[in-house]
Amino acid sequence: MLVISGEIKVAPESRAKAVAAMIRVEQATRKETGCLTYTFYADLEDPNCLRIFEEWESDAALAAHFKVPHIAVFRTEMAEVKVLSRQIKKYEVSGSSTL
């Protein structure tokens, strides 16, 4: 399993546009084969810090995700957003358990 986790900090004037784009891509991505979790959310202390968390069954599922039409649309929409910083990492997970 793969986990993608990170943050995108946006300028306050771009937040609404970013959130709208993120909601659209979330809804479409959750229907993809191999997608276990896909969500954006706002940091509790900094509402302009938008976090992403994804879980994918495999590298192949993630690679296919980057080729779907709604990702191209998302990239176009996000090109209009003033992004202040972006840090996203991919983790390979060998197992999990409940806490």
C-alpha atoms as a PDB file:
ATOM      1  CA  MET A   1       0.000   0.000   0.000  1.00  0.00           C
ATOM      2  CA  LEU A   2       1.079   3.570  -0.655  1.00  0.00           C
ATOM      3  CA  VAL A   3       0.335   6.614   1.460  1.00  0.00           C
ATOM      4  CA  ILE A   4       0.602  10.136   0.079  1.00  0.00           C
ATOM      5  CA  SER A   5       0.666  12.893   2.655  1.00  0.00           C
ATOM      6  CA  GLY A   6       1.490  16.561   2.475  1.00  0.00           C
ATOM      7  CA  GLU A   7       0.459  20.164   2.487  1.00  0.00           C
ATOM      8  CA  ILE A   8      -0.177  22.955   0.033  1.00  0.00           C
ATOM      9  CA  LYS A   9      -0.087  26.483   1.441  1.00  0.00           C
ATOM     10  CA  VAL A  10      -2.086  28.972  -0.600  1.00  0.00           C
ATOM     11  CA  ALA A  11      -2.502  32.726  -0.482  1.00  0.00           C
ATOM     12  CA  PRO A  12      -5.689  33.755   1.344  1.00  0.00           C
ATOM     13  CA  GLU A  13      -7.160  35.251  -1.831  1.00  0.00           C
ATOM     14  CA  SER A  14      -6.686  31.902  -3.624  1.00  0.00           C
ATOM     15  CA  ARG A  15      -8.118  29.663  -0.920  1.00  0.00           C
ATOM     16  CA  ALA A  16     -11.703  29.493  -2.235  1.00  0.00           C
ATOM     17  CA  LYS A  17     -10.517  28.592  -5.742  1.00  0.00           C
ATOM     18  CA  ALA A  18      -8.177  25.913  -4.371  1.00  0.00           C
ATOM     19  CA  VAL A  19     -10.855  24.406  -2.142  1.00  0.00           C
ATOM     20  CA  ALA A  20     -13.359  24.219  -5.017  1.00  0.00           C
ATOM     21  CA  ALA A  21     -10.804  22.459  -7.240  1.00  0.00           C
ATOM     22  CA  MET A  22      -9.863  20.076  -4.432  1.00  0.00           C
ATOM     23  CA  ILE A  23     -13.472  19.113  -3.750  1.00  0.00           C
ATOM     24  CA  ARG A  24     -14.036  18.316  -7.424  1.00  0.00           C
ATOM     25  CA  VAL A  25     -10.891  16.196  -7.731  1.00  0.00           C
ATOM     26  CA  GLU A  26     -11.647  14.407  -4.438  1.00  0.00           C
ATOM     27  CA  GLN A  27     -15.081  13.329  -5.616  1.00  0.00           C
ATOM     28  CA  ALA A  28     -13.780  11.970  -8.921  1.00  0.00           C
ATOM     29  CA  THR A  29     -10.655  10.342  -7.511  1.00  0.00           C
ATOM     30  CA  ARG A  30     -12.497   8.394  -4.820  1.00  0.00           C
ATOM     31  CA  LYS A  31     -14.207   6.441  -7.620  1.00  0.00           C
ATOM     32  CA  GLU A  32     -10.910   5.285  -9.151  1.00  0.00           C
ATOM     33  CA  THR A  33      -9.810   1.667  -9.018  1.00  0.00           C
ATOM     34  CA  GLY A  34      -7.126   1.222  -6.378  1.00  0.00           C
ATOM     35  CA  CYS A  35      -7.978   4.391  -4.432  1.00  0.00           C
ATOM     36  CA  LEU A  36      -8.553   3.564  -0.770  1.00  0.00           C
ATOM     37  CA  THR A  37      -8.589   7.105   0.667  1.00  0.00           C
ATOM     38  CA  TYR A  38      -8.303  10.524  -0.975  1.00  0.00           C
ATOM     39  CA  THR A  39      -9.010  13.690   0.972  1.00  0.00           C
ATOM     40  CA  PHE A  40      -7.961  17.292   1.402  1.00  0.00           C
ATOM     41  CA  TYR A  41      -8.536  19.177   4.632  1.00  0.00           C
ATOM     42  CA  ALA A  42      -7.611  22.490   6.237  1.00  0.00           C
ATOM     43  CA  ASP A  43      -5.051  22.763   9.001  1.00  0.00           C
ATOM     44  CA  LEU A  44      -6.782  23.715  12.278  1.00  0.00           C
ATOM     45  CA  GLU A  45      -4.298  26.503  13.019  1.00  0.00           C
ATOM     46  CA  ASP A  46      -3.736  27.796   9.483  1.00  0.00           C
ATOM     47  CA  PRO A  47      -6.804  27.622   7.196  1.00  0.00           C
ATOM     48  CA  ASN A  48      -4.612  28.488   4.191  1.00  0.00           C
ATOM     49  CA  CYS A  49      -2.595  25.313   4.743  1.00  0.00           C
ATOM     50  CA  LEU A  50      -4.510  22.613   2.897  1.00  0.00           C
ATOM     51  CA  ARG A  51      -3.427  19.075   3.662  1.00  0.00           C
ATOM     52  CA  ILE A  52      -3.778  15.981   1.515  1.00  0.00           C
ATOM     53  CA  PHE A  53      -3.964  12.352   2.571  1.00  0.00           C
ATOM     54  CA  GLU A  54      -4.235   9.462   0.136  1.00  0.00           C
ATOM     55  CA  GLU A  55      -4.015   5.670   0.329  1.00  0.00           C
ATOM     56  CA  TRP A  56      -3.507   3.591  -2.813  1.00  0.00           C
ATOM     57  CA  GLU A  57      -3.460  -0.160  -3.344  1.00  0.00           C
ATOM     58  CA  SER A  58      -0.372  -0.033  -5.568  1.00  0.00           C
ATOM     59  CA  ASP A  59       2.097   2.012  -7.597  1.00  0.00           C
ATOM     60  CA  ALA A  60       0.151   0.990 -10.712  1.00  0.00           C
ATOM     61  CA  ALA A  61      -3.075   2.464  -9.294  1.00  0.00           C
ATOM     62  CA  LEU A  62      -1.288   5.711  -8.415  1.00  0.00           C
ATOM     63  CA  ALA A  63       0.344   5.889 -11.853  1.00  0.00           C
ATOM     64  CA  ALA A  64      -3.058   5.402 -13.518  1.00  0.00           C
ATOM     65  CA  HIS A  65      -4.484   8.179 -11.314  1.00  0.00           C
ATOM     66  CA  PHE A  66      -2.045  10.709 -12.765  1.00  0.00           C
ATOM     67  CA  LYS A  67      -3.337   9.931 -16.287  1.00  0.00           C
ATOM     68  CA  VAL A  68      -7.079  10.410 -15.726  1.00  0.00           C
ATOM     69  CA  PRO A  69      -8.808  13.478 -17.221  1.00  0.00           C
ATOM     70  CA  HIS A  70      -9.878  14.995 -13.897  1.00  0.00           C
ATOM     71  CA  ILE A  71      -6.240  15.302 -12.834  1.00  0.00           C
ATOM     72  CA  ALA A  72      -5.485  17.344 -15.956  1.00  0.00           C
ATOM     73  CA  VAL A  73      -8.432  19.593 -15.087  1.00  0.00           C
ATOM     74  CA  PHE A  74      -7.217  19.863 -11.477  1.00  0.00           C
ATOM     75  CA  ARG A  75      -3.737  20.877 -12.600  1.00  0.00           C
ATOM     76  CA  THR A  76      -5.213  23.564 -14.859  1.00  0.00           C
ATOM     77  CA  GLU A  77      -7.376  24.894 -12.028  1.00  0.00           C
ATOM     78  CA  MET A  78      -4.488  24.868  -9.546  1.00  0.00           C
ATOM     79  CA  ALA A  79      -2.310  26.799 -12.017  1.00  0.00           C
ATOM     80  CA  GLU A  80      -4.633  29.738 -11.284  1.00  0.00           C
ATOM     81  CA  VAL A  81      -4.071  29.417  -7.509  1.00  0.00           C
ATOM     82  CA  LYS A  82      -1.266  31.329  -5.806  1.00  0.00           C
ATOM     83  CA  VAL A  83       0.603  28.480  -4.110  1.00  0.00           C
ATOM     84  CA  LEU A  84       3.037  29.669  -1.443  1.00  0.00           C
ATOM     85  CA  SER A  85       4.584  26.271  -0.755  1.00  0.00           C
ATOM     86  CA  ARG A  86       3.991  22.608  -1.492  1.00  0.00           C
ATOM     87  CA  GLN A  87       5.371  19.538   0.286  1.00  0.00           C
ATOM     88  CA  ILE A  88       3.992  16.122  -0.607  1.00  0.00           C
ATOM     89  CA  LYS A  89       5.616  12.768   0.124  1.00  0.00           C
ATOM     90  CA  LYS A  90       4.930   9.172  -0.891  1.00  0.00           C
ATOM     91  CA  TYR A  91       5.334   6.394   1.671  1.00  0.00           C
ATOM     92  CA  GLU A  92       5.422   2.663   1.007  1.00  0.00           C
ATOM     93  CA  VAL A  93       3.601   0.865   3.815  1.00  0.00           C
ATOM     94  CA  SER A  94       4.118  -2.820   4.508  1.00  0.00           C
ATOM     95  CA  GLY A  95       1.307  -3.142   7.032  1.00  0.00           C
ATOM     96  CA  SER A  96      -1.020  -1.386   9.439  1.00  0.00           C
ATOM     97  CA  SER A  97      -2.951  -2.003  12.629  1.00  0.00           C
ATOM     98  CA  THR A  98      -5.507  -0.154  14.691  1.00  0.00           C
ATOM     99  CA  LEU A  99      -4.426   1.880  17.710  1.00  0.00           C
END
